[in-house]
Amino acid sequence: MKTIDQYLEGSPSSSSDINWEYDPLLIPNLPINLINEILLRLPAKSLGRFKCVSKPWLFLISSQRFIKAHLAIASGRDDFGHHSPSFTLVSADGHLGYEVLHYVSSLLYGASSETAIPKVFDIDLPHKSFWAVGSCNGLVLVTNRNNELFLCNPCTKELKKLPKNGMENRHFHHIYGFGYDKLHDDYKVLGLFKILSSTPGGIMVDYELKLFSLRNNLRHEIEVPENVDPGNCKGHYLKYLSGNIYWCITDGGTGRRRWKIVCFDLTNETYGELAQPKNEGRPYDYGLGVLGDRLLTFYDYKKSHADIWVMNDS
């Protein structure tokens, strides 16, 4: 485990930099490499506690090399993504009461046959109401009614407020996506904004697409493709899978509107469009989801039935 800043900036320490010679908690005759292998296979929540064992253990568990190796082992298990528990974010709102808002994939626990859902953590946000934008590698991005973004590490209960998006004095609609750029070892936030401005001729509509790098703490604007209208995007948040962010958009004007799937590559900052399965008739609702390591689409035919399609690996 490591802090959010270490996630974003990287840690200079590695197991080879640690002086184990004077660690009184080493087990006699147990090789250091074996200790490392044991720790790599423990649940993340246990590692959070073991950081307090000694300084060498703290340095090891907080190192960039260890955290990447631990994530690779956890995500490479056959049961990961299928049987590993998830946790649910719940918002306490004075008017709404407690509301289940989002299911988030978690690395907090190892595989377990227990069905009870334990209370994991409280998020200390300035406002009670919040929404989950998405999760990636154990980190969770949330937002509130003031359009503020916070990055949360559930294991350490640490919260990092992200810089403002520069849209404070403008009227806009927006959706966010959160994902990981493996090539540059960088977590990124994609924001799609539909800006409304009053002019003598009426309301003017403009679009902006901004990509924020958490590693460099920098935001830059990228070109909005002609087929992307944030106002026509389905869902409140974008879906992340394997280095890409996906979302649904509708087009076709006031007539029979059709929808399509757009994807954005976080590494190359390029766009693509995915073919969608053929639906029968006109569904009442539709959307995207992620099941394990695959993208899925669903069609809701209201009182009749619902269809779910899962993308092949190819």
Protein backbone atom coordinates (compact mmCIF):
# COMPACT_ATOMS: atom_id res chain seq x y z
CA MET A 1 0.00 0.00 0.00
CA LYS A 2 1.03 3.61 -0.44
CA THR A 3 -0.34 7.10 -0.22
CA ILE A 4 -2.24 8.77 -3.03
CA ASP A 5 0.71 11.05 -3.79
CA GLN A 6 2.95 7.99 -4.08
CA TYR A 7 0.44 6.43 -6.48
CA LEU A 8 0.71 9.49 -8.67
CA GLU A 9 4.39 10.41 -8.34
CA GLY A 10 5.99 7.05 -7.71
CA SER A 11 8.16 6.05 -4.75
CA PRO A 12 11.96 6.09 -5.01
CA SER A 13 12.36 3.13 -2.70
CA SER A 14 12.47 -0.51 -3.73
CA SER A 15 13.20 -3.73 -1.89
CA SER A 16 16.86 -3.49 -2.91
CA ASP A 17 17.19 -0.09 -1.22
CA ILE A 18 16.02 -1.33 2.18
CA ASN A 19 18.47 -2.03 4.98
CA TRP A 20 17.13 -5.20 6.60
CA GLU A 21 20.20 -5.88 8.72
CA TYR A 22 18.90 -4.27 11.91
CA ASP A 23 15.25 -5.15 11.58
CA PRO A 24 14.38 -6.94 14.86
CA LEU A 25 11.17 -8.32 13.36
CA LEU A 26 12.80 -10.50 10.75
CA ILE A 27 12.10 -14.18 11.28
CA PRO A 28 15.38 -16.08 11.83
CA ASN A 29 16.52 -18.12 8.84
CA LEU A 30 13.64 -16.84 6.70
CA PRO A 31 15.07 -15.31 3.50
CA ILE A 32 14.13 -11.71 2.73
CA ASN A 33 12.91 -12.72 -0.72
CA LEU A 34 10.48 -15.18 0.86
CA ILE A 35 9.12 -12.48 3.17
CA ASN A 36 8.59 -10.32 0.11
CA GLU A 37 6.73 -13.12 -1.70
CA ILE A 38 4.48 -13.71 1.31
CA LEU A 39 3.60 -10.04 1.63
CA LEU A 40 2.85 -9.80 -2.08
CA ARG A 41 0.06 -12.34 -1.69
CA LEU A 42 -1.69 -10.72 1.26
CA PRO A 43 -4.87 -8.63 0.93
CA ALA A 44 -4.32 -4.91 0.63
CA LYS A 45 -6.10 -4.21 3.90
CA SER A 46 -3.61 -6.41 5.77
CA LEU A 47 -0.69 -4.67 4.08
CA GLY A 48 -2.05 -1.34 5.32
CA ARG A 49 -1.69 -2.62 8.89
CA PHE A 50 1.71 -4.22 8.29
CA LYS A 51 3.20 -0.87 7.28
CA CYS A 52 3.31 -0.17 11.02
CA VAL A 53 5.41 -3.26 11.81
CA SER A 54 8.80 -1.64 11.15
CA LYS A 55 10.50 0.91 8.92
CA PRO A 56 11.87 -1.73 6.51
CA TRP A 57 8.38 -3.18 6.11
CA LEU A 58 6.98 0.32 5.59
CA PHE A 59 9.57 1.10 2.90
CA LEU A 60 9.00 -2.23 1.17
CA ILE A 61 5.20 -2.08 1.11
CA SER A 62 5.28 1.59 0.02
CA SER A 63 7.74 1.03 -2.81
CA GLN A 64 6.76 1.48 -6.44
CA ARG A 65 8.06 -1.97 -7.34
CA PHE A 66 6.09 -3.70 -4.59
CA ILE A 67 2.77 -1.99 -5.29
CA LYS A 68 2.94 -2.83 -8.99
CA ALA A 69 3.88 -6.44 -8.28
CA HIS A 70 1.08 -6.77 -5.73
CA LEU A 71 -1.49 -5.39 -8.16
CA ALA A 72 -0.25 -7.69 -10.94
CA ILE A 73 -0.56 -10.76 -8.71
CA ALA A 74 -3.99 -9.74 -7.40
CA SER A 75 -5.41 -8.98 -10.83
CA GLY A 76 -3.86 -12.11 -12.33
CA ARG A 77 -5.71 -14.50 -10.04
CA ASP A 78 -8.35 -16.64 -11.71
CA ASP A 79 -10.95 -15.52 -9.16
CA PHE A 80 -10.14 -11.83 -9.42
CA GLY A 81 -12.99 -9.85 -10.96
CA HIS A 82 -15.36 -12.78 -10.57
CA HIS A 83 -15.32 -13.78 -6.91
CA SER A 84 -13.34 -11.00 -5.23
CA PRO A 85 -15.75 -8.83 -3.25
CA SER A 86 -16.75 -5.34 -4.27
CA PHE A 87 -17.89 -2.55 -2.04
CA THR A 88 -20.80 -0.16 -2.32
CA LEU A 89 -20.58 3.60 -1.89
CA VAL A 90 -23.44 5.04 0.13
CA SER A 91 -24.22 8.75 0.37
CA ALA A 92 -25.84 10.20 3.48
CA ASP A 93 -28.17 12.98 2.35
CA GLY A 94 -30.33 14.96 4.74
CA HIS A 95 -33.30 14.80 2.38
CA LEU A 96 -32.77 11.48 0.65
CA GLY A 97 -31.56 9.46 3.61
CA TYR A 98 -29.03 6.76 2.77
CA GLU A 99 -28.85 5.96 -0.90
CA VAL A 100 -26.82 3.29 -2.65
CA LEU A 101 -25.01 5.12 -5.42
CA HIS A 102 -22.35 3.01 -7.03
CA TYR A 103 -20.70 -0.40 -7.04
CA VAL A 104 -16.92 -0.16 -7.07
CA SER A 105 -14.44 -2.93 -7.75
CA SER A 106 -12.14 -3.25 -4.76
CA LEU A 107 -8.81 -4.81 -3.84
CA LEU A 108 -9.52 -4.45 -0.13
CA TYR A 109 -10.18 -8.11 0.57
CA GLY A 110 -9.07 -11.43 -0.76
CA ALA A 111 -11.53 -14.03 -1.98
CA SER A 112 -14.04 -14.95 0.70
CA SER A 113 -17.14 -17.08 0.93
CA GLU A 114 -18.73 -14.68 3.40
CA THR A 115 -21.79 -12.90 2.08
CA ALA A 116 -21.93 -10.19 4.74
CA ILE A 117 -20.74 -6.77 3.61
CA PRO A 118 -18.51 -5.17 6.27
CA LYS A 119 -18.28 -1.43 6.79
CA VAL A 120 -14.99 -0.46 5.20
CA PHE A 121 -14.50 3.28 5.63
CA ASP A 122 -16.10 6.69 5.94
CA ILE A 123 -15.25 9.35 3.36
CA ASP A 124 -14.81 12.68 5.10
CA LEU A 125 -16.05 15.02 2.38
CA PRO A 126 -16.98 18.69 2.90
CA HIS A 127 -20.50 17.81 1.72
CA LYS A 128 -22.54 14.76 2.65
CA SER A 129 -23.81 14.00 -0.82
CA PHE A 130 -21.31 12.55 -3.26
CA TRP A 131 -21.19 10.34 -6.33
CA ALA A 132 -18.62 7.85 -7.51
CA VAL A 133 -17.09 8.75 -10.87
CA GLY A 134 -15.19 5.47 -11.13
CA SER A 135 -12.50 3.27 -9.65
CA CYS A 136 -9.18 1.94 -10.86
CA ASN A 137 -6.51 -0.18 -9.15
CA GLY A 138 -8.04 0.37 -5.72
CA LEU A 139 -8.41 4.15 -6.04
CA VAL A 140 -11.85 5.76 -6.19
CA LEU A 141 -12.71 9.11 -7.78
CA VAL A 142 -15.77 10.86 -6.30
CA THR A 143 -17.50 14.19 -6.88
CA ASN A 144 -20.05 16.28 -4.98
CA ARG A 145 -22.78 18.83 -5.64
CA ASN A 146 -20.18 21.59 -6.02
CA ASN A 147 -18.54 19.72 -8.89
CA GLU A 148 -15.39 19.15 -6.82
CA LEU A 149 -13.35 16.02 -7.50
CA PHE A 150 -11.69 13.93 -4.79
CA LEU A 151 -9.40 10.92 -5.14
CA CYS A 152 -9.80 8.41 -2.35
CA ASN A 153 -7.64 5.51 -1.21
CA PRO A 154 -10.04 3.35 0.84
CA CYS A 155 -7.24 1.35 2.48
CA THR A 156 -5.46 4.40 3.92
CA LYS A 157 -8.66 6.49 4.20
CA GLU A 158 -6.71 9.26 2.51
CA LEU A 159 -8.49 11.88 0.45
CA LYS A 160 -6.90 14.17 -2.13
CA LYS A 161 -8.81 17.12 -3.59
CA LEU A 162 -8.04 17.68 -7.27
CA PRO A 163 -7.51 21.16 -8.76
CA LYS A 164 -10.53 23.06 -10.05
CA ASN A 165 -11.49 22.50 -13.66
CA GLY A 166 -11.44 26.19 -14.61
CA MET A 167 -15.17 26.23 -15.36
CA GLU A 168 -16.33 27.84 -12.11
CA ASN A 169 -17.91 30.94 -13.66
CA ARG A 170 -19.53 29.18 -16.59
CA HIS A 171 -22.81 27.32 -16.94
CA PHE A 172 -22.22 23.82 -18.18
CA HIS A 173 -23.24 20.19 -18.17
CA HIS A 174 -20.52 17.61 -17.73
CA ILE A 175 -19.61 13.96 -17.35
CA TYR A 176 -16.35 12.45 -16.09
CA GLY A 177 -14.29 9.34 -16.65
CA PHE A 178 -11.38 7.98 -14.59
CA GLY A 179 -8.71 5.52 -15.72
CA TYR A 180 -5.07 4.48 -15.89
CA ASP A 181 -2.47 5.09 -18.59
CA LYS A 182 -0.14 2.11 -18.17
CA LEU A 183 2.56 3.32 -20.57
CA HIS A 184 3.11 6.56 -18.66
CA ASP A 185 2.16 5.13 -15.25
CA ASP A 186 -0.43 7.89 -14.87
CA TYR A 187 -3.99 8.12 -13.60
CA LYS A 188 -6.12 10.44 -15.72
CA VAL A 189 -9.50 12.15 -15.50
CA LEU A 190 -11.42 12.85 -18.70
CA GLY A 191 -14.04 15.60 -18.54
CA LEU A 192 -16.63 16.32 -21.23
CA PHE A 193 -18.22 19.76 -20.87
CA LYS A 194 -21.20 21.32 -22.62
CA ILE A 195 -20.99 25.09 -22.05
CA LEU A 196 -24.02 27.35 -22.29
CA SER A 197 -23.52 31.09 -22.91
CA SER A 198 -26.11 33.87 -23.21
CA THR A 199 -25.78 36.03 -26.34
CA PRO A 200 -28.03 38.71 -27.90
CA GLY A 201 -29.10 36.08 -30.39
CA GLY A 202 -29.98 33.52 -27.74
CA ILE A 203 -28.18 30.65 -26.01
CA MET A 204 -24.85 29.63 -27.52
CA VAL A 205 -23.65 26.05 -27.03
CA ASP A 206 -19.99 25.05 -27.07
CA TYR A 207 -18.12 21.89 -26.15
CA GLU A 208 -14.82 21.27 -24.40
CA LEU A 209 -12.98 18.05 -23.64
CA LYS A 210 -10.28 18.20 -20.95
CA LEU A 211 -7.81 15.56 -19.83
CA PHE A 212 -6.22 15.88 -16.39
CA SER A 213 -2.99 14.06 -15.50
CA LEU A 214 -2.76 13.26 -11.81
CA ARG A 215 0.91 12.38 -12.07
CA ASN A 216 1.89 15.77 -13.49
CA ASN A 217 -0.99 17.67 -11.88
CA LEU A 218 -1.67 19.25 -15.29
CA ARG A 219 -4.78 19.64 -17.40
CA HIS A 220 -4.95 20.24 -21.13
CA GLU A 221 -7.74 20.62 -23.63
CA ILE A 222 -8.07 18.17 -26.48
CA GLU A 223 -9.99 18.44 -29.71
CA VAL A 224 -13.64 17.49 -29.52
CA PRO A 225 -14.60 15.15 -32.38
CA GLU A 226 -17.63 16.09 -34.42
CA ASN A 227 -19.60 13.09 -33.25
CA VAL A 228 -19.19 13.82 -29.52
CA ASP A 229 -21.95 15.83 -27.88
CA PRO A 230 -21.68 15.65 -24.07
CA GLY A 231 -25.32 16.67 -23.86
CA ASN A 232 -26.30 13.50 -25.70
CA CYS A 233 -24.13 11.12 -23.68
CA LYS A 234 -25.94 8.33 -21.90
CA GLY A 235 -25.25 7.94 -18.20
CA HIS A 236 -23.67 10.26 -15.68
CA TYR A 237 -20.15 8.82 -15.91
CA LEU A 238 -17.92 7.17 -18.45
CA LYS A 239 -16.74 3.56 -18.27
CA TYR A 240 -13.06 2.58 -18.00
CA LEU A 241 -11.55 -0.68 -19.21
CA SER A 242 -7.97 -1.63 -20.12
CA GLY A 243 -6.58 1.83 -20.86
CA ASN A 244 -9.67 3.11 -22.66
CA ILE A 245 -12.68 5.16 -21.61
CA TYR A 246 -16.03 4.32 -23.21
CA TRP A 247 -19.35 6.09 -23.42
CA CYS A 248 -22.61 6.04 -25.37
CA ILE A 249 -23.87 8.94 -27.44
CA THR A 250 -27.06 9.47 -29.38
CA ASP A 251 -27.50 11.26 -32.66
CA GLY A 252 -30.12 11.60 -35.35
CA GLY A 253 -31.77 14.85 -34.29
CA THR A 254 -35.48 14.88 -33.54
CA GLY A 255 -36.31 11.88 -35.71
CA ARG A 256 -35.42 8.29 -34.94
CA ARG A 257 -32.31 8.63 -32.84
CA ARG A 258 -29.64 5.99 -32.98
CA TRP A 259 -26.84 5.45 -30.50
CA LYS A 260 -23.23 4.42 -30.78
CA ILE A 261 -20.25 3.59 -28.57
CA VAL A 262 -17.26 5.93 -28.55
CA CYS A 263 -13.90 5.06 -26.96
CA PHE A 264 -10.95 7.24 -25.98
CA ASP A 265 -7.40 5.84 -25.66
CA LEU A 266 -5.80 7.41 -22.57
CA THR A 267 -2.26 6.77 -23.81
CA ASN A 268 -2.47 7.95 -27.42
CA GLU A 269 -5.37 10.38 -26.84
CA THR A 270 -7.17 9.06 -29.90
CA TYR A 271 -10.80 8.22 -30.55
CA GLY A 272 -12.53 5.20 -31.96
CA GLU A 273 -16.02 3.88 -32.48
CA LEU A 274 -17.19 0.39 -31.60
CA ALA A 275 -19.73 -1.63 -33.51
CA GLN A 276 -22.79 -2.33 -31.42
CA PRO A 277 -24.90 -5.47 -31.40
CA LYS A 278 -28.08 -5.49 -33.40
CA ASN A 279 -31.09 -4.81 -31.24
CA GLU A 280 -34.61 -5.91 -31.98
CA GLY A 281 -36.90 -2.93 -32.24
CA ARG A 282 -36.39 0.25 -30.27
CA PRO A 283 -35.37 -0.24 -26.62
CA TYR A 284 -36.76 1.93 -23.85
CA ASP A 285 -33.27 2.42 -22.42
CA TYR A 286 -29.69 1.30 -23.05
CA GLY A 287 -26.23 1.74 -21.62
CA LEU A 288 -22.73 0.43 -20.99
CA GLY A 289 -21.17 -1.53 -18.18
CA VAL A 290 -18.05 -3.51 -17.31
CA LEU A 291 -18.16 -7.17 -16.34
CA GLY A 292 -14.78 -8.47 -15.19
CA ASP A 293 -12.40 -7.56 -18.01
CA ARG A 294 -15.07 -7.14 -20.69
CA LEU A 295 -17.32 -4.34 -21.86
CA LEU A 296 -21.04 -5.01 -21.96
CA THR A 297 -24.07 -3.26 -23.43
CA PHE A 298 -27.63 -3.64 -22.27
CA TYR A 299 -31.00 -2.96 -23.86
CA ASP A 300 -34.02 -2.44 -21.65
CA TYR A 301 -37.34 -3.11 -23.34
CA LYS A 302 -39.21 -1.96 -20.26
CA LYS A 303 -42.03 -4.38 -19.40
CA SER A 304 -41.04 -6.94 -22.01
CA HIS A 305 -37.43 -8.03 -21.38
CA ALA A 306 -33.82 -6.90 -21.28
CA ASP A 307 -30.86 -7.98 -23.41
CA ILE A 308 -27.23 -7.95 -22.26
CA TRP A 309 -24.36 -8.34 -24.73
CA VAL A 310 -20.77 -8.99 -23.63
CA MET A 311 -17.88 -8.04 -25.90
CA ASN A 312 -15.55 -10.79 -27.11
CA ASP A 313 -11.82 -10.57 -26.37
CA SER A 314 -11.14 -9.91 -30.03
